[in-house]
Amino acid sequence: MTDSDSSALGKSRVMLVRPVIRIALKRGTAHGQFAELVKQAVVKIAERRRIRMAGAKRVVEIMLEEIHRSL
């Protein structure tokens, strides 16, 4: 990734989270609370992705087993 790519990505991320941050500030959410909510969301997303990847890996394993059986 080039510096300009990472800079553009950083700007995109800031633009993406601004509305969420505005809402949190309007509702009086403290920085620590907001950080904890973000951490929880990241963990949930990572767990779902890991589960999906594990499921996809198992599908490939089953397909390979079937191929070996047919040989």
PDB file of N, CA and C in Angstrom:
ATOM      1  N   MET A   1       0.848  -1.175   0.000  1.00  0.00           N
ATOM      2  CA  MET A   1       0.000   0.000   0.000  1.00  0.00           C
ATOM      3  C   MET A   1       0.890   1.233   0.000  1.00  0.00           C
ATOM      4  N   THR A   2       0.618   2.151  -0.875  1.00  0.00           N
ATOM      5  CA  THR A   2       1.417   3.369  -0.935  1.00  0.00           C
ATOM      6  C   THR A   2       0.955   4.352   0.132  1.00  0.00           C
ATOM      7  N   ASP A   3       1.778   5.383   0.362  1.00  0.00           N
ATOM      8  CA  ASP A   3       1.417   6.400   1.355  1.00  0.00           C
ATOM      9  C   ASP A   3       0.108   7.083   0.989  1.00  0.00           C
ATOM     10  N   SER A   4      -0.085   7.347  -0.308  1.00  0.00           N
ATOM     11  CA  SER A   4      -1.323   8.021  -0.717  1.00  0.00           C
ATOM     12  C   SER A   4      -2.526   7.111  -0.522  1.00  0.00           C
ATOM     13  N   ASP A   5      -2.336   5.790  -0.730  1.00  0.00           N
ATOM     14  CA  ASP A   5      -3.431   4.848  -0.487  1.00  0.00           C
ATOM     15  C   ASP A   5      -3.800   4.820   0.983  1.00  0.00           C
ATOM     16  N   SER A   6      -2.785   4.755   1.852  1.00  0.00           N
ATOM     17  CA  SER A   6      -3.059   4.694   3.281  1.00  0.00           C
ATOM     18  C   SER A   6      -3.668   6.011   3.762  1.00  0.00           C
ATOM     19  N   SER A   7      -3.241   7.114   3.180  1.00  0.00           N
ATOM     20  CA  SER A   7      -3.811   8.404   3.539  1.00  0.00           C
ATOM     21  C   SER A   7      -5.277   8.480   3.130  1.00  0.00           C
ATOM     22  N   ALA A   8      -5.566   8.006   1.935  1.00  0.00           N
ATOM     23  CA  ALA A   8      -6.959   8.010   1.461  1.00  0.00           C
ATOM     24  C   ALA A   8      -7.811   7.085   2.322  1.00  0.00           C
ATOM     25  N   LEU A   9      -7.246   5.941   2.698  1.00  0.00           N
ATOM     26  CA  LEU A   9      -7.970   5.005   3.552  1.00  0.00           C
ATOM     27  C   LEU A   9      -8.239   5.631   4.919  1.00  0.00           C
ATOM     28  N   GLY A  10      -7.238   6.302   5.456  1.00  0.00           N
ATOM     29  CA  GLY A  10      -7.410   6.971   6.748  1.00  0.00           C
ATOM     30  C   GLY A  10      -8.492   8.031   6.697  1.00  0.00           C
ATOM     31  N   LYS A  11      -8.499   8.824   5.624  1.00  0.00           N
ATOM     32  CA  LYS A  11      -9.525   9.859   5.467  1.00  0.00           C
ATOM     33  C   LYS A  11     -10.909   9.232   5.337  1.00  0.00           C
ATOM     34  N   SER A  12     -10.993   8.128   4.614  1.00  0.00           N
ATOM     35  CA  SER A  12     -12.279   7.440   4.450  1.00  0.00           C
ATOM     36  C   SER A  12     -12.797   6.928   5.789  1.00  0.00           C
ATOM     37  N   ARG A  13     -11.888   6.383   6.581  1.00  0.00           N
ATOM     38  CA  ARG A  13     -12.301   5.879   7.899  1.00  0.00           C
ATOM     39  C   ARG A  13     -12.831   6.996   8.770  1.00  0.00           C
ATOM     40  N   VAL A  14     -12.150   8.133   8.749  1.00  0.00           N
ATOM     41  CA  VAL A  14     -12.603   9.275   9.556  1.00  0.00           C
ATOM     42  C   VAL A  14     -13.983   9.719   9.092  1.00  0.00           C
ATOM     43  N   MET A  15     -14.170   9.821   7.791  1.00  0.00           N
ATOM     44  CA  MET A  15     -15.482  10.235   7.266  1.00  0.00           C
ATOM     45  C   MET A  15     -16.567   9.238   7.660  1.00  0.00           C
ATOM     46  N   LEU A  16     -16.209   7.966   7.702  1.00  0.00           N
ATOM     47  CA  LEU A  16     -17.175   6.922   8.026  1.00  0.00           C
ATOM     48  C   LEU A  16     -17.626   6.990   9.489  1.00  0.00           C
ATOM     49  N   VAL A  17     -16.701   7.253  10.395  1.00  0.00           N
ATOM     50  CA  VAL A  17     -17.048   7.215  11.824  1.00  0.00           C
ATOM     51  C   VAL A  17     -17.569   8.548  12.367  1.00  0.00           C
ATOM     52  N   ARG A  18     -17.396   9.618  11.642  1.00  0.00           N
ATOM     53  CA  ARG A  18     -17.848  10.933  12.144  1.00  0.00           C
ATOM     54  C   ARG A  18     -19.307  10.948  12.588  1.00  0.00           C
ATOM     55  N   PRO A  19     -20.249  10.460  11.771  1.00  0.00           N
ATOM     56  CA  PRO A  19     -21.652  10.492  12.215  1.00  0.00           C
ATOM     57  C   PRO A  19     -21.883   9.695  13.498  1.00  0.00           C
ATOM     58  N   VAL A  20     -21.216   8.572  13.630  1.00  0.00           N
ATOM     59  CA  VAL A  20     -21.363   7.748  14.838  1.00  0.00           C
ATOM     60  C   VAL A  20     -20.806   8.492  16.053  1.00  0.00           C
ATOM     61  N   ILE A  21     -19.683   9.148  15.869  1.00  0.00           N
ATOM     62  CA  ILE A  21     -19.083   9.910  16.965  1.00  0.00           C
ATOM     63  C   ILE A  21     -19.983  11.078  17.363  1.00  0.00           C
ATOM     64  N   ARG A  22     -20.547  11.759  16.368  1.00  0.00           N
ATOM     65  CA  ARG A  22     -21.477  12.873  16.674  1.00  0.00           C
ATOM     66  C   ARG A  22     -22.639  12.390  17.523  1.00  0.00           C
ATOM     67  N   ILE A  23     -23.219  11.253  17.152  1.00  0.00           N
ATOM     68  CA  ILE A  23     -24.349  10.699  17.915  1.00  0.00           C
ATOM     69  C   ILE A  23     -23.908  10.367  19.337  1.00  0.00           C
ATOM     70  N   ALA A  24     -22.739   9.738  19.461  1.00  0.00           N
ATOM     71  CA  ALA A  24     -22.230   9.376  20.789  1.00  0.00           C
ATOM     72  C   ALA A  24     -22.034  10.622  21.646  1.00  0.00           C
ATOM     73  N   LEU A  25     -21.481  11.684  21.055  1.00  0.00           N
ATOM     74  CA  LEU A  25     -21.262  12.921  21.808  1.00  0.00           C
ATOM     75  C   LEU A  25     -22.588  13.557  22.214  1.00  0.00           C
ATOM     76  N   LYS A  26     -23.561  13.568  21.306  1.00  0.00           N
ATOM     77  CA  LYS A  26     -24.872  14.143  21.636  1.00  0.00           C
ATOM     78  C   LYS A  26     -25.541  13.407  22.788  1.00  0.00           C
ATOM     79  N   ARG A  27     -25.304  12.100  22.861  1.00  0.00           N
ATOM     80  CA  ARG A  27     -25.927  11.296  23.916  1.00  0.00           C
ATOM     81  C   ARG A  27     -25.088  11.255  25.191  1.00  0.00           C
ATOM     82  N   GLY A  28     -23.955  11.959  25.176  1.00  0.00           N
ATOM     83  CA  GLY A  28     -23.127  12.043  26.374  1.00  0.00           C
ATOM     84  C   GLY A  28     -22.280  10.814  26.643  1.00  0.00           C
ATOM     85  N   THR A  29     -22.000  10.055  25.614  1.00  0.00           N
ATOM     86  CA  THR A  29     -21.174   8.861  25.776  1.00  0.00           C
ATOM     87  C   THR A  29     -19.734   9.280  26.047  1.00  0.00           C
ATOM     88  N   ALA A  30     -19.171   8.751  27.111  1.00  0.00           N
ATOM     89  CA  ALA A  30     -17.786   9.063  27.461  1.00  0.00           C
ATOM     90  C   ALA A  30     -16.834   8.322  26.520  1.00  0.00           C
ATOM     91  N   HIS A  31     -15.613   8.840  26.423  1.00  0.00           N
ATOM     92  CA  HIS A  31     -14.612   8.242  25.538  1.00  0.00           C
ATOM     93  C   HIS A  31     -14.387   6.768  25.866  1.00  0.00           C
ATOM     94  N   GLY A  32     -14.264   6.463  27.146  1.00  0.00           N
ATOM     95  CA  GLY A  32     -14.037   5.076  27.568  1.00  0.00           C
ATOM     96  C   GLY A  32     -15.186   4.161  27.175  1.00  0.00           C
ATOM     97  N   GLN A  33     -16.411   4.662  27.342  1.00  0.00           N
ATOM     98  CA  GLN A  33     -17.580   3.877  26.953  1.00  0.00           C
ATOM     99  C   GLN A  33     -17.585   3.633  25.444  1.00  0.00           C
ATOM    100  N   PHE A  34     -17.296   4.675  24.706  1.00  0.00           N
ATOM    101  CA  PHE A  34     -17.284   4.564  23.245  1.00  0.00           C
ATOM    102  C   PHE A  34     -16.195   3.587  22.801  1.00  0.00           C
ATOM    103  N   ALA A  35     -15.023   3.701  23.395  1.00  0.00           N
ATOM    104  CA  ALA A  35     -13.922   2.805  23.047  1.00  0.00           C
ATOM    105  C   ALA A  35     -14.293   1.354  23.350  1.00  0.00           C
ATOM    106  N   GLU A  36     -14.956   1.124  24.468  1.00  0.00           N
ATOM    107  CA  GLU A  36     -15.375  -0.231  24.830  1.00  0.00           C
ATOM    108  C   GLU A  36     -16.409  -0.774  23.841  1.00  0.00           C
ATOM    109  N   LEU A  37     -17.349   0.071  23.417  1.00  0.00           N
ATOM    110  CA  LEU A  37     -18.338  -0.355  22.426  1.00  0.00           C
ATOM    111  C   LEU A  37     -17.675  -0.719  21.101  1.00  0.00           C
ATOM    112  N   VAL A  38     -16.709   0.080  20.712  1.00  0.00           N
ATOM    113  CA  VAL A  38     -15.989  -0.204  19.460  1.00  0.00           C
ATOM    114  C   VAL A  38     -15.233  -1.516  19.588  1.00  0.00           C
ATOM    115  N   LYS A  39     -14.563  -1.728  20.730  1.00  0.00           N
ATOM    116  CA  LYS A  39     -13.827  -2.977  20.946  1.00  0.00           C
ATOM    117  C   LYS A  39     -14.760  -4.180  20.859  1.00  0.00           C
ATOM    118  N   GLN A  40     -15.930  -4.074  21.496  1.00  0.00           N
ATOM    119  CA  GLN A  40     -16.894  -5.174  21.470  1.00  0.00           C
ATOM    120  C   GLN A  40     -17.348  -5.460  20.038  1.00  0.00           C
ATOM    121  N   ALA A  41     -17.589  -4.411  19.274  1.00  0.00           N
ATOM    122  CA  ALA A  41     -18.013  -4.592  17.888  1.00  0.00           C
ATOM    123  C   ALA A  41     -16.917  -5.264  17.067  1.00  0.00           C
ATOM    124  N   VAL A  42     -15.683  -4.844  17.260  1.00  0.00           N
ATOM    125  CA  VAL A  42     -14.562  -5.439  16.523  1.00  0.00           C
ATOM    126  C   VAL A  42     -14.434  -6.922  16.867  1.00  0.00           C
ATOM    127  N   VAL A  43     -14.555  -7.261  18.136  1.00  0.00           N
ATOM    128  CA  VAL A  43     -14.439  -8.656  18.552  1.00  0.00           C
ATOM    129  C   VAL A  43     -15.564  -9.493  17.947  1.00  0.00           C
ATOM    130  N   LYS A  44     -16.794  -8.979  17.980  1.00  0.00           N
ATOM    131  CA  LYS A  44     -17.925  -9.724  17.398  1.00  0.00           C
ATOM    132  C   LYS A  44     -17.728  -9.965  15.906  1.00  0.00           C
ATOM    133  N   ILE A  45     -17.300  -8.940  15.205  1.00  0.00           N
ATOM    134  CA  ILE A  45     -17.087  -9.073  13.765  1.00  0.00           C
ATOM    135  C   ILE A  45     -15.973 -10.075  13.494  1.00  0.00           C
ATOM    136  N   ALA A  46     -14.899 -10.005  14.270  1.00  0.00           N
ATOM    137  CA  ALA A  46     -13.782 -10.936  14.079  1.00  0.00           C
ATOM    138  C   ALA A  46     -14.220 -12.371  14.358  1.00  0.00           C
ATOM    139  N   GLU A  47     -15.033 -12.567  15.396  1.00  0.00           N
ATOM    140  CA  GLU A  47     -15.531 -13.911  15.705  1.00  0.00           C
ATOM    141  C   GLU A  47     -16.393 -14.442  14.573  1.00  0.00           C
ATOM    142  N   ARG A  48     -17.291 -13.620  14.059  1.00  0.00           N
ATOM    143  CA  ARG A  48     -18.150 -14.054  12.950  1.00  0.00           C
ATOM    144  C   ARG A  48     -17.324 -14.404  11.731  1.00  0.00           C
ATOM    145  N   ARG A  49     -16.319 -13.576  11.440  1.00  0.00           N
ATOM    146  CA  ARG A  49     -15.459 -13.832  10.281  1.00  0.00           C
ATOM    147  C   ARG A  49     -14.700 -15.145  10.477  1.00  0.00           C
ATOM    148  N   ARG A  50     -14.180 -15.361  11.685  1.00  0.00           N
ATOM    149  CA  ARG A  50     -13.439 -16.589  11.980  1.00  0.00           C
ATOM    150  C   ARG A  50     -14.341 -17.803  11.822  1.00  0.00           C
ATOM    151  N   ILE A  51     -15.570 -17.701  12.306  1.00  0.00           N
ATOM    152  CA  ILE A  51     -16.524 -18.803  12.190  1.00  0.00           C
ATOM    153  C   ILE A  51     -16.842 -19.071  10.722  1.00  0.00           C
ATOM    154  N   ARG A  52     -17.063 -18.011   9.949  1.00  0.00           N
ATOM    155  CA  ARG A  52     -17.343 -18.188   8.517  1.00  0.00           C
ATOM    156  C   ARG A  52     -16.154 -18.824   7.819  1.00  0.00           C
ATOM    157  N   MET A  53     -14.950 -18.362   8.155  1.00  0.00           N
ATOM    158  CA  MET A  53     -13.755 -18.918   7.517  1.00  0.00           C
ATOM    159  C   MET A  53     -13.591 -20.388   7.885  1.00  0.00           C
ATOM    160  N   ALA A  54     -13.869 -20.722   9.142  1.00  0.00           N
ATOM    161  CA  ALA A  54     -13.772 -22.121   9.572  1.00  0.00           C
ATOM    162  C   ALA A  54     -14.795 -22.963   8.820  1.00  0.00           C
ATOM    163  N   GLY A  55     -15.998 -22.424   8.637  1.00  0.00           N
ATOM    164  CA  GLY A  55     -17.039 -23.131   7.885  1.00  0.00           C
ATOM    165  C   GLY A  55     -16.637 -23.338   6.437  1.00  0.00           C
ATOM    166  N   ALA A  56     -16.073 -22.313   5.835  1.00  0.00           N
ATOM    167  CA  ALA A  56     -15.634 -22.407   4.443  1.00  0.00           C
ATOM    168  C   ALA A  56     -14.513 -23.433   4.319  1.00  0.00           C
ATOM    169  N   LYS A  57     -13.615 -23.442   5.284  1.00  0.00           N
ATOM    170  CA  LYS A  57     -12.502 -24.402   5.270  1.00  0.00           C
ATOM    171  C   LYS A  57     -13.058 -25.820   5.359  1.00  0.00           C
ATOM    172  N   ARG A  58     -14.053 -26.020   6.182  1.00  0.00           N
ATOM    173  CA  ARG A  58     -14.651 -27.353   6.331  1.00  0.00           C
ATOM    174  C   ARG A  58     -15.329 -27.781   5.035  1.00  0.00           C
ATOM    175  N   VAL A  59     -15.982 -26.888   4.343  1.00  0.00           N
ATOM    176  CA  VAL A  59     -16.615 -27.213   3.067  1.00  0.00           C
ATOM    177  C   VAL A  59     -15.566 -27.686   2.068  1.00  0.00           C
ATOM    178  N   VAL A  60     -14.448 -26.997   2.018  1.00  0.00           N
ATOM    179  CA  VAL A  60     -13.357 -27.388   1.113  1.00  0.00           C
ATOM    180  C   VAL A  60     -12.832 -28.764   1.504  1.00  0.00           C
ATOM    181  N   GLU A  61     -12.669 -29.001   2.801  1.00  0.00           N
ATOM    182  CA  GLU A  61     -12.189 -30.304   3.264  1.00  0.00           C
ATOM    183  C   GLU A  61     -13.140 -31.420   2.841  1.00  0.00           C
ATOM    184  N   ILE A  62     -14.435 -31.195   2.982  1.00  0.00           N
ATOM    185  CA  ILE A  62     -15.432 -32.197   2.588  1.00  0.00           C
ATOM    186  C   ILE A  62     -15.358 -32.442   1.085  1.00  0.00           C
ATOM    187  N   MET A  63     -15.240 -31.371   0.313  1.00  0.00           N
ATOM    188  CA  MET A  63     -15.152 -31.531  -1.138  1.00  0.00           C
ATOM    189  C   MET A  63     -13.907 -32.341  -1.513  1.00  0.00           C
ATOM    190  N   LEU A  64     -12.779 -32.061  -0.876  1.00  0.00           N
ATOM    191  CA  LEU A  64     -11.561 -32.823  -1.156  1.00  0.00           C
ATOM    192  C   LEU A  64     -11.699 -34.288  -0.764  1.00  0.00           C
ATOM    193  N   GLU A  65     -12.359 -34.536   0.363  1.00  0.00           N
ATOM    194  CA  GLU A  65     -12.601 -35.915   0.777  1.00  0.00           C
ATOM    195  C   GLU A  65     -13.431 -36.655  -0.264  1.00  0.00           C
ATOM    196  N   GLU A  66     -14.459 -36.003  -0.778  1.00  0.00           N
ATOM    197  CA  GLU A  66     -15.312 -36.603  -1.798  1.00  0.00           C
ATOM    198  C   GLU A  66     -14.530 -36.881  -3.075  1.00  0.00           C
ATOM    199  N   ILE A  67     -13.670 -35.948  -3.444  1.00  0.00           N
ATOM    200  CA  ILE A  67     -12.859 -36.138  -4.644  1.00  0.00           C
ATOM    201  C   ILE A  67     -11.933 -37.350  -4.457  1.00  0.00           C
ATOM    202  N   HIS A  68     -11.307 -37.455  -3.292  1.00  0.00           N
ATOM    203  CA  HIS A  68     -10.394 -38.579  -3.042  1.00  0.00           C
ATOM    204  C   HIS A  68     -11.155 -39.901  -3.046  1.00  0.00           C
ATOM    205  N   ARG A  69     -12.359 -39.895  -2.525  1.00  0.00           N
ATOM    206  CA  ARG A  69     -13.172 -41.121  -2.511  1.00  0.00           C
ATOM    207  C   ARG A  69     -13.501 -41.578  -3.923  1.00  0.00           C
ATOM    208  N   SER A  70     -13.765 -40.606  -4.795  1.00  0.00           N
ATOM    209  CA  SER A  70     -14.183 -40.960  -6.157  1.00  0.00           C
ATOM    210  C   SER A  70     -13.019 -41.440  -7.010  1.00  0.00           C
ATOM    211  N   LEU A  71     -11.784 -41.223  -6.571  1.00  0.00           N
ATOM    212  CA  LEU A  71     -10.615 -41.651  -7.344  1.00  0.00           C
ATOM    213  C   LEU A  71     -10.335 -43.071  -7.142  1.00  0.00           C
TER     214      LEU A  71
END
